[in-house]
Protein backbone atom coordinates (compact mmCIF):
# COMPACT_ATOMS: atom_id res chain seq x y z
CA MET A 1 219.50 155.50 14.84
CA GLY A 2 216.41 157.61 14.20
CA LYS A 3 213.93 157.19 11.35
CA LYS A 4 214.12 159.49 8.33
CA ASN A 5 211.34 161.31 6.50
CA VAL A 6 208.66 160.56 9.09
CA LYS A 7 205.68 162.86 9.30
CA VAL A 8 202.80 163.51 11.69
CA GLY A 9 200.23 160.74 11.49
CA ASP A 10 202.69 158.03 10.51
CA GLU A 11 202.90 154.81 12.47
CA VAL A 12 206.54 154.02 13.25
CA GLN A 13 208.64 151.48 15.13
CA ASN A 14 209.67 153.00 18.47
CA LYS A 15 212.68 151.46 20.24
CA GLN A 16 212.49 151.66 24.07
CA VAL A 17 214.58 150.87 27.16
CA ILE A 18 212.25 148.94 29.48
CA PHE A 19 212.73 148.68 33.25
CA LYS A 20 212.37 145.02 34.23
CA ASP A 21 211.85 145.13 37.99
CA TYR A 22 212.77 147.03 41.15
CA VAL A 23 216.49 147.06 41.93
CA THR A 24 218.27 146.41 45.21
CA GLY A 25 222.00 147.07 45.42
CA SER A 26 223.90 148.12 42.30
CA PRO A 27 221.93 148.35 39.05
CA LYS A 28 223.01 146.00 36.28
CA GLU A 29 222.53 146.04 32.52
CA SER A 30 220.30 142.99 32.93
CA ASP A 31 217.81 145.14 34.91
CA PHE A 32 216.71 146.57 31.54
CA HIS A 33 215.82 145.23 28.15
CA ILE A 34 215.39 146.78 24.72
CA THR A 35 212.09 146.39 22.93
CA THR A 36 210.25 147.94 20.01
CA CYS A 37 206.62 149.01 19.87
CA THR A 38 204.48 150.76 17.27
CA THR A 39 203.77 154.45 17.92
CA LYS A 40 201.50 156.81 16.00
CA LEU A 41 203.20 160.16 15.52
CA GLN A 42 200.23 162.27 16.50
CA VAL A 43 198.95 163.98 19.64
CA PRO A 44 195.46 162.67 20.44
CA GLN A 45 192.70 165.12 19.54
CA GLY A 46 191.83 167.42 22.45
CA SER A 47 195.02 166.61 24.38
CA ASN A 48 197.50 169.29 25.44
CA ALA A 49 200.37 166.79 25.24
CA VAL A 50 203.48 167.21 23.09
CA LEU A 51 204.95 164.50 20.84
CA VAL A 52 208.73 164.62 20.56
CA LYS A 53 211.59 162.87 18.81
CA ASN A 54 214.27 162.33 21.45
CA LEU A 55 217.75 163.41 20.38
CA TYR A 56 219.90 163.11 23.52
CA LEU A 57 219.22 161.43 26.86
CA SER A 58 220.99 162.23 30.12
CA CYS A 59 222.44 159.59 32.46
CA ASP A 60 222.26 160.91 36.02
CA PRO A 61 223.11 159.33 39.40
CA VAL A 62 219.65 160.15 40.80
CA MET A 63 218.19 157.57 38.41
CA GLN A 64 219.46 154.92 40.84
CA PHE A 65 216.81 156.02 43.35
CA GLN A 66 214.08 155.84 40.76
CA MET A 67 214.78 152.12 40.27
CA ARG A 68 213.89 151.26 43.85
CA LYS A 69 210.60 150.23 45.40
CA MET A 70 210.08 152.93 48.02
CA GLU A 71 207.71 152.38 50.92
CA ASP A 72 207.85 156.10 51.65
CA PRO A 73 208.43 157.81 48.26
CA LEU A 74 210.19 161.17 48.27
CA SER A 75 208.11 164.06 46.97
CA GLY A 76 209.12 165.34 43.54
CA TYR A 77 210.70 162.09 42.31
CA ILE A 78 209.21 159.95 39.55
CA TYR A 79 209.79 156.26 40.31
CA TYR A 80 210.13 153.76 37.49
CA VAL A 81 207.35 151.29 36.81
CA PRO A 82 208.40 147.71 35.98
CA GLY A 83 207.51 146.89 32.38
CA SER A 84 207.62 150.54 31.28
CA PRO A 85 210.35 152.74 29.75
CA ILE A 86 212.63 154.54 32.19
CA ASN A 87 212.74 158.32 32.04
CA GLY A 88 215.12 161.17 32.71
CA PHE A 89 216.27 164.50 31.35
CA GLY A 90 216.75 164.79 27.62
CA VAL A 91 216.86 167.04 24.58
CA ALA A 92 214.12 166.54 21.99
CA LYS A 93 212.47 168.01 18.90
CA VAL A 94 208.72 168.64 18.87
CA LEU A 95 206.91 166.78 16.07
CA ASP A 96 203.31 167.55 17.06
CA SER A 97 201.77 169.64 19.80
CA GLY A 98 198.43 170.11 21.48
CA HIS A 99 199.90 172.74 23.80
CA ALA A 100 199.74 176.45 22.98
CA GLU A 101 203.33 177.09 24.12
CA PHE A 102 204.94 174.53 21.79
CA SER A 103 204.98 174.07 18.01
CA ALA A 104 206.35 171.46 15.63
CA GLY A 105 210.05 172.09 15.10
CA ASP A 106 210.72 173.49 18.58
CA LEU A 107 213.78 172.17 20.38
CA VAL A 108 213.17 171.49 24.07
CA TRP A 109 214.79 169.97 27.15
CA GLY A 110 213.15 168.39 30.15
CA THR A 111 211.93 165.01 31.39
CA THR A 112 211.27 162.46 28.66
CA SER A 113 211.23 158.68 28.31
CA TRP A 114 214.07 156.47 27.12
CA GLU A 115 212.64 155.75 23.69
CA GLU A 116 212.89 157.20 20.21
CA TYR A 117 209.54 159.02 20.32
CA SER A 118 207.69 160.19 23.45
CA LEU A 119 204.23 161.59 24.09
CA ILE A 120 204.85 164.04 26.94
CA GLN A 121 201.67 164.53 28.95
CA ASN A 122 203.02 167.36 31.15
CA PRO A 123 204.74 169.66 28.65
CA GLU A 124 204.71 172.59 31.08
CA GLN A 125 207.91 171.09 32.60
CA LEU A 126 209.73 171.41 29.26
CA LYS A 127 212.04 174.36 28.54
CA LYS A 128 212.39 175.71 25.00
CA ILE A 129 215.91 175.87 23.60
CA HIS A 130 216.49 179.28 22.06
CA HIS A 131 220.31 179.26 21.83
CA THR A 132 221.56 176.76 19.26
CA ASP A 133 225.01 178.27 18.69
CA VAL A 134 226.22 175.99 21.51
CA PRO A 135 226.06 172.17 21.32
CA LEU A 136 222.56 170.77 21.94
CA THR A 137 224.15 168.17 24.21
CA HIS A 138 224.95 170.99 26.65
CA TYR A 139 221.23 171.11 27.54
CA THR A 140 221.65 167.75 29.28
CA GLY A 141 224.53 169.22 31.27
CA ILE A 142 225.95 172.69 31.73
CA LEU A 143 222.75 174.31 30.35
CA GLY A 144 220.44 171.72 31.95
CA MET A 145 219.89 170.16 35.36
CA PRO A 146 223.62 169.81 36.28
CA GLY A 147 224.19 173.45 35.37
CA ILE A 148 221.32 174.56 37.59
CA THR A 149 222.74 172.40 40.40
CA ALA A 150 226.27 173.81 40.03
CA TYR A 151 224.98 177.39 39.90
CA ALA A 152 222.90 176.86 43.03
CA ALA A 153 225.85 175.26 44.84
CA ILE A 154 228.20 178.16 44.20
CA TYR A 155 226.02 181.26 43.90
CA GLU A 156 223.09 180.43 46.20
CA VAL A 157 224.17 177.86 48.82
CA GLY A 158 227.93 177.97 49.40
CA VAL A 159 228.63 181.52 48.16
CA PRO A 160 232.43 181.19 48.34
CA LYS A 161 234.42 184.42 48.36
CA LYS A 162 237.65 185.34 46.60
CA GLY A 163 240.61 183.63 48.25
CA GLU A 164 238.58 180.94 50.01
CA CYS A 165 239.43 177.25 49.67
CA VAL A 166 236.76 175.22 47.89
CA PHE A 167 236.88 171.42 47.77
CA ILE A 168 234.67 169.41 45.40
CA SER A 169 234.35 165.63 45.36
CA ALA A 170 233.46 163.79 42.12
CA ALA A 171 234.89 166.96 40.60
CA SER A 172 235.10 165.75 37.00
CA GLY A 173 231.43 164.75 36.89
CA ALA A 174 228.46 166.55 35.39
CA VAL A 175 228.09 169.06 38.27
CA GLY A 176 231.57 169.15 39.77
CA GLN A 177 233.37 170.33 36.65
CA ILE A 178 231.03 173.33 36.32
CA ALA A 179 231.02 174.23 40.02
CA GLY A 180 234.81 174.17 40.14
CA GLN A 181 235.10 176.54 37.20
CA PHE A 182 232.51 178.88 38.72
CA ALA A 183 234.56 178.95 41.94
CA LYS A 184 237.77 179.68 39.99
CA LEU A 185 236.05 182.56 38.19
CA LEU A 186 235.21 183.97 41.64
CA GLY A 187 238.91 183.86 42.59
CA CYS A 188 238.80 180.85 44.91
CA TYR A 189 241.49 178.23 45.52
CA VAL A 190 239.82 175.09 44.14
CA VAL A 191 240.70 171.47 44.88
CA GLY A 192 238.94 168.40 43.48
CA SER A 193 238.94 164.65 43.86
CA ALA A 194 238.23 162.05 41.17
CA GLY A 195 238.89 158.37 40.52
CA THR A 196 241.48 158.16 37.70
CA GLN A 197 244.69 159.95 36.78
CA GLN A 198 243.09 160.94 33.47
CA LYS A 199 240.34 162.73 35.40
CA ILE A 200 242.90 164.43 37.68
CA ASN A 201 244.76 165.73 34.62
CA LEU A 202 241.46 167.02 33.25
CA LEU A 203 240.71 168.92 36.47
CA LYS A 204 244.10 170.61 36.59
CA ASN A 205 244.87 171.13 32.90
CA LYS A 206 241.43 171.74 31.35
CA PHE A 207 239.26 173.14 34.16
CA GLY A 208 241.96 175.11 35.98
CA PHE A 209 241.67 173.48 39.43
CA ASP A 210 244.59 174.48 41.67
CA ASP A 211 245.07 170.93 42.92
CA ALA A 212 243.40 167.53 42.72
CA PHE A 213 243.92 163.97 43.93
CA ASN A 214 242.86 160.45 42.94
CA TYR A 215 240.95 159.16 45.96
CA LYS A 216 241.48 155.55 44.84
CA GLN A 217 245.25 156.02 45.16
CA GLU A 218 245.16 157.69 48.57
CA PRO A 219 245.40 155.33 51.56
CA ASP A 220 244.66 158.26 53.90
CA LEU A 221 242.04 160.78 52.70
CA ASP A 222 242.71 163.04 55.69
CA ALA A 223 246.38 163.27 54.70
CA ALA A 224 245.46 163.94 51.05
CA LEU A 225 243.18 166.81 52.08
CA LYS A 226 245.82 168.26 54.40
CA ARG A 227 248.34 168.14 51.54
CA CYS A 228 246.01 169.88 49.07
CA CYS A 229 244.24 172.21 51.53
CA PRO A 230 246.93 172.92 54.17
CA GLU A 231 245.03 175.85 55.68
CA GLY A 232 241.70 174.03 55.75
CA ILE A 233 238.52 174.07 53.67
CA ASP A 234 236.06 176.98 53.65
CA PHE A 235 233.42 175.36 51.43
CA TYR A 236 232.89 171.71 50.51
CA LEU A 237 230.54 170.61 47.73
CA ASP A 238 229.75 166.97 48.51
CA HIS A 239 228.74 164.48 45.84
CA VAL A 240 230.00 161.30 47.46
CA GLY A 241 229.44 161.22 51.26
CA GLY A 242 230.90 158.34 53.27
CA LYS A 243 234.62 158.23 54.07
CA MET A 244 235.31 161.38 52.05
CA LEU A 245 232.78 163.43 54.02
CA ASP A 246 234.23 162.07 57.27
CA ALA A 247 237.74 163.12 56.22
CA VAL A 248 236.52 166.54 55.10
CA LEU A 249 235.02 167.21 58.55
CA LEU A 250 238.54 166.90 59.99
CA ASN A 251 239.75 169.56 57.54
CA MET A 252 236.97 172.14 57.58
CA LYS A 253 237.78 175.60 58.89
CA VAL A 254 235.80 177.00 61.80
CA HIS A 255 232.50 178.40 60.44
CA GLY A 256 233.01 176.48 57.16
CA ARG A 257 230.09 175.54 54.90
CA ILE A 258 229.15 172.17 53.44
CA ALA A 259 226.59 171.75 50.64
CA ILE A 260 225.36 168.21 50.00
CA CYS A 261 223.69 167.39 46.69
CA GLY A 262 224.66 163.74 46.36
CA MET A 263 226.29 160.76 48.10
CA ILE A 264 227.11 158.38 45.29
CA SER A 265 229.42 156.24 47.46
CA GLN A 266 226.38 155.26 49.56
CA TYR A 267 223.74 154.59 46.91
CA ASN A 268 224.35 150.88 46.48
CA LEU A 269 225.26 149.87 50.05
CA ASP A 270 222.96 147.67 52.11
CA GLU A 271 223.87 149.74 55.17
CA PRO A 272 225.15 153.34 54.85
CA GLU A 273 228.61 154.00 56.28
CA LEU A 274 228.61 155.69 59.67
CA LEU A 275 230.21 159.12 60.03
CA ARG A 276 232.71 159.19 62.90
CA ASN A 277 233.50 162.91 63.01
CA VAL A 278 230.00 164.36 63.29
CA MET A 279 230.86 166.11 66.59
CA LEU A 280 233.03 168.50 64.57
CA LEU A 281 229.83 170.01 63.12
CA ALA A 282 229.33 171.56 66.55
CA LEU A 283 232.94 172.13 67.58
CA LYS A 284 233.76 173.91 64.31
CA ARG A 285 230.34 175.62 64.08
CA LEU A 286 229.84 174.32 60.56
CA THR A 287 226.84 175.06 58.35
CA VAL A 288 225.55 172.04 56.41
CA LYS A 289 222.82 172.38 53.80
CA GLY A 290 221.25 169.77 51.58
CA PHE A 291 219.92 170.95 48.21
CA THR A 292 218.93 169.84 44.73
CA HIS A 293 218.23 171.61 41.46
CA ARG A 294 214.48 171.38 42.12
CA ASP A 295 214.35 174.57 44.20
CA HIS A 296 216.31 176.66 41.71
CA HIS A 297 214.68 176.33 38.27
CA HIS A 298 213.26 179.85 38.62
CA LEU A 299 216.86 181.09 38.28
CA TYR A 300 217.28 179.52 34.83
CA PRO A 301 217.16 182.80 32.83
CA LYS A 302 219.82 184.25 35.15
CA ILE A 303 221.94 181.10 34.73
CA LEU A 304 221.79 181.33 30.92
CA GLU A 305 222.76 185.00 31.13
CA LEU A 306 225.87 184.08 33.13
CA VAL A 307 226.92 180.83 31.48
CA LEU A 308 226.30 181.34 27.75
CA PRO A 309 228.93 184.12 27.41
CA TYR A 310 231.40 182.00 29.39
CA ILE A 311 230.89 179.10 26.95
CA ARG A 312 231.11 181.32 23.87
CA ASP A 313 234.26 183.06 25.16
CA LYS A 314 235.78 179.70 26.19
CA LYS A 315 236.08 180.81 29.80
CA ILE A 316 234.27 177.63 30.83
CA PHE A 317 234.76 174.19 29.29
CA TYR A 318 232.43 171.22 29.52
CA VAL A 319 233.52 167.66 28.85
CA GLU A 320 230.93 165.15 27.67
CA ASP A 321 231.08 161.37 27.28
CA ILE A 322 228.66 160.57 24.45
CA VAL A 323 227.50 157.02 23.75
CA GLU A 324 225.48 156.38 20.57
CA GLY A 325 222.41 154.20 20.24
CA LEU A 326 219.53 153.49 22.60
CA GLU A 327 220.62 149.85 22.87
CA ASN A 328 223.82 151.07 24.60
CA GLY A 329 221.87 153.09 27.16
CA PRO A 330 221.78 150.53 30.00
CA ALA A 331 225.58 150.07 29.90
CA ALA A 332 226.14 153.84 29.90
CA LEU A 333 223.76 154.36 32.82
CA VAL A 334 225.18 151.50 34.92
CA GLY A 335 228.72 152.74 34.21
CA LEU A 336 228.02 155.93 36.15
CA PHE A 337 228.17 154.00 39.42
CA THR A 338 231.67 152.65 38.79
CA GLY A 339 233.05 155.90 37.35
CA ARG A 340 233.35 154.46 33.84
CA ASN A 341 232.26 157.77 32.30
CA PHE A 342 234.70 160.57 31.47
CA GLY A 343 232.70 163.77 31.92
CA LYS A 344 228.94 164.17 31.54
CA GLN A 345 227.41 160.87 30.38
CA ILE A 346 225.03 161.34 27.44
CA LEU A 347 223.18 158.95 25.17
CA ALA A 348 222.80 160.12 21.56
CA LEU A 349 219.76 158.82 19.68
CA ALA A 350 219.55 160.95 16.60
CA PRO A 351 222.14 163.75 16.51
CA GLN A 352 221.08 166.69 14.39
C-alpha cells in the first residue's frame, strides 16, 4: 500500500494507473496498465499547487466517457490522455501546499489522479474535510459527488411530495441508494430496480424501499412496473435509459416528472437503443430534465447540514464496496459496467 515515514522533499516510488489508448465499446482491464515512476514530494517553488497522498479513489460510471476520443468534447469534462494516469474523485491528505487555503495535514476531496501521490495544479476545486467522525470513504459517495447528485435529484429537480410514487433505476448504486432514502424521509412510496437478488434485498431491508425488482429476471419491464407501481409513477430518477426508460414512459402519471442523470445501459452500445414511447411525453404532459452534480456544488454546505445528522443518527445508511490496492483499480472500474459492484465502488490506497 502506501509508503511509511515519508517527508516533504523525499523522492519516492509512485505507483500509477496509466490509460493506454482511447476506448470504443466496453472498457477492459487491458485498456490500462500499472507503472511506477519517481516523484519528489514537494510543491515547486512559486507554484500554488497542492501535493497530496491519495487515500481513496472513486469509481464512477462517467469515467467511461472520459476514455473516449471525442470530436466535439463536452464542456466541463476532463478527457483522459493516452500514456497518462486516469483521474477521478478521491479523498487525499495534503503533504505540501503552495496554496494559501491548504496546509500540510489537511484532508480533502476532489479530482485527483489514479496514483499514490498527486500534484494538483488546480486546488481551488478541492473541498476540505472538516467532519472526520464519519468514514472518510463517505467523501467519495454520500458526502461527495454522488451525494450532491442525489440531493439535487430529490430536493432541486424532482421535488417529490409526501405520498407520491418515486421510481429509481440502478437503485442500489452510488446515487440511487441515497436518493431513495431521501424520498422515503419525505414520506414517498419508493420503488427501485437493480440487477441481483442480493441488491433487491438490500433495497428493501436496509434502505427501506417499499418495493423493488430485479430487472434481469423480468421478461416484461412494463408488467414489473405495473405490479410495483399500480397507480403509476409521479417521479422517475433515471440512471439507465434504454428499455427501462421506455417502459417507465408507459407507467408515468399525467404531469409526472423525469430526471435523467445517467444512461448506463447505453454507454457501451455502438448504436443507442431507440425509444418507442416518446409520444407519451406530450400525451401525458411530462416534464423531463437532464442534470448533473456540476450545477449544484454551491449547495454543498446545505447538503452537509442535512445529511451528516442523518448518518450520525443512522437514519440513512450507505453501502460501500471497497477494493484495496491501486493494482486492482482497473478491475474495479471495469466491473461497474457489468454491475459487479455491491454499493458504491471505492479503491483504497492507504486507509488511515
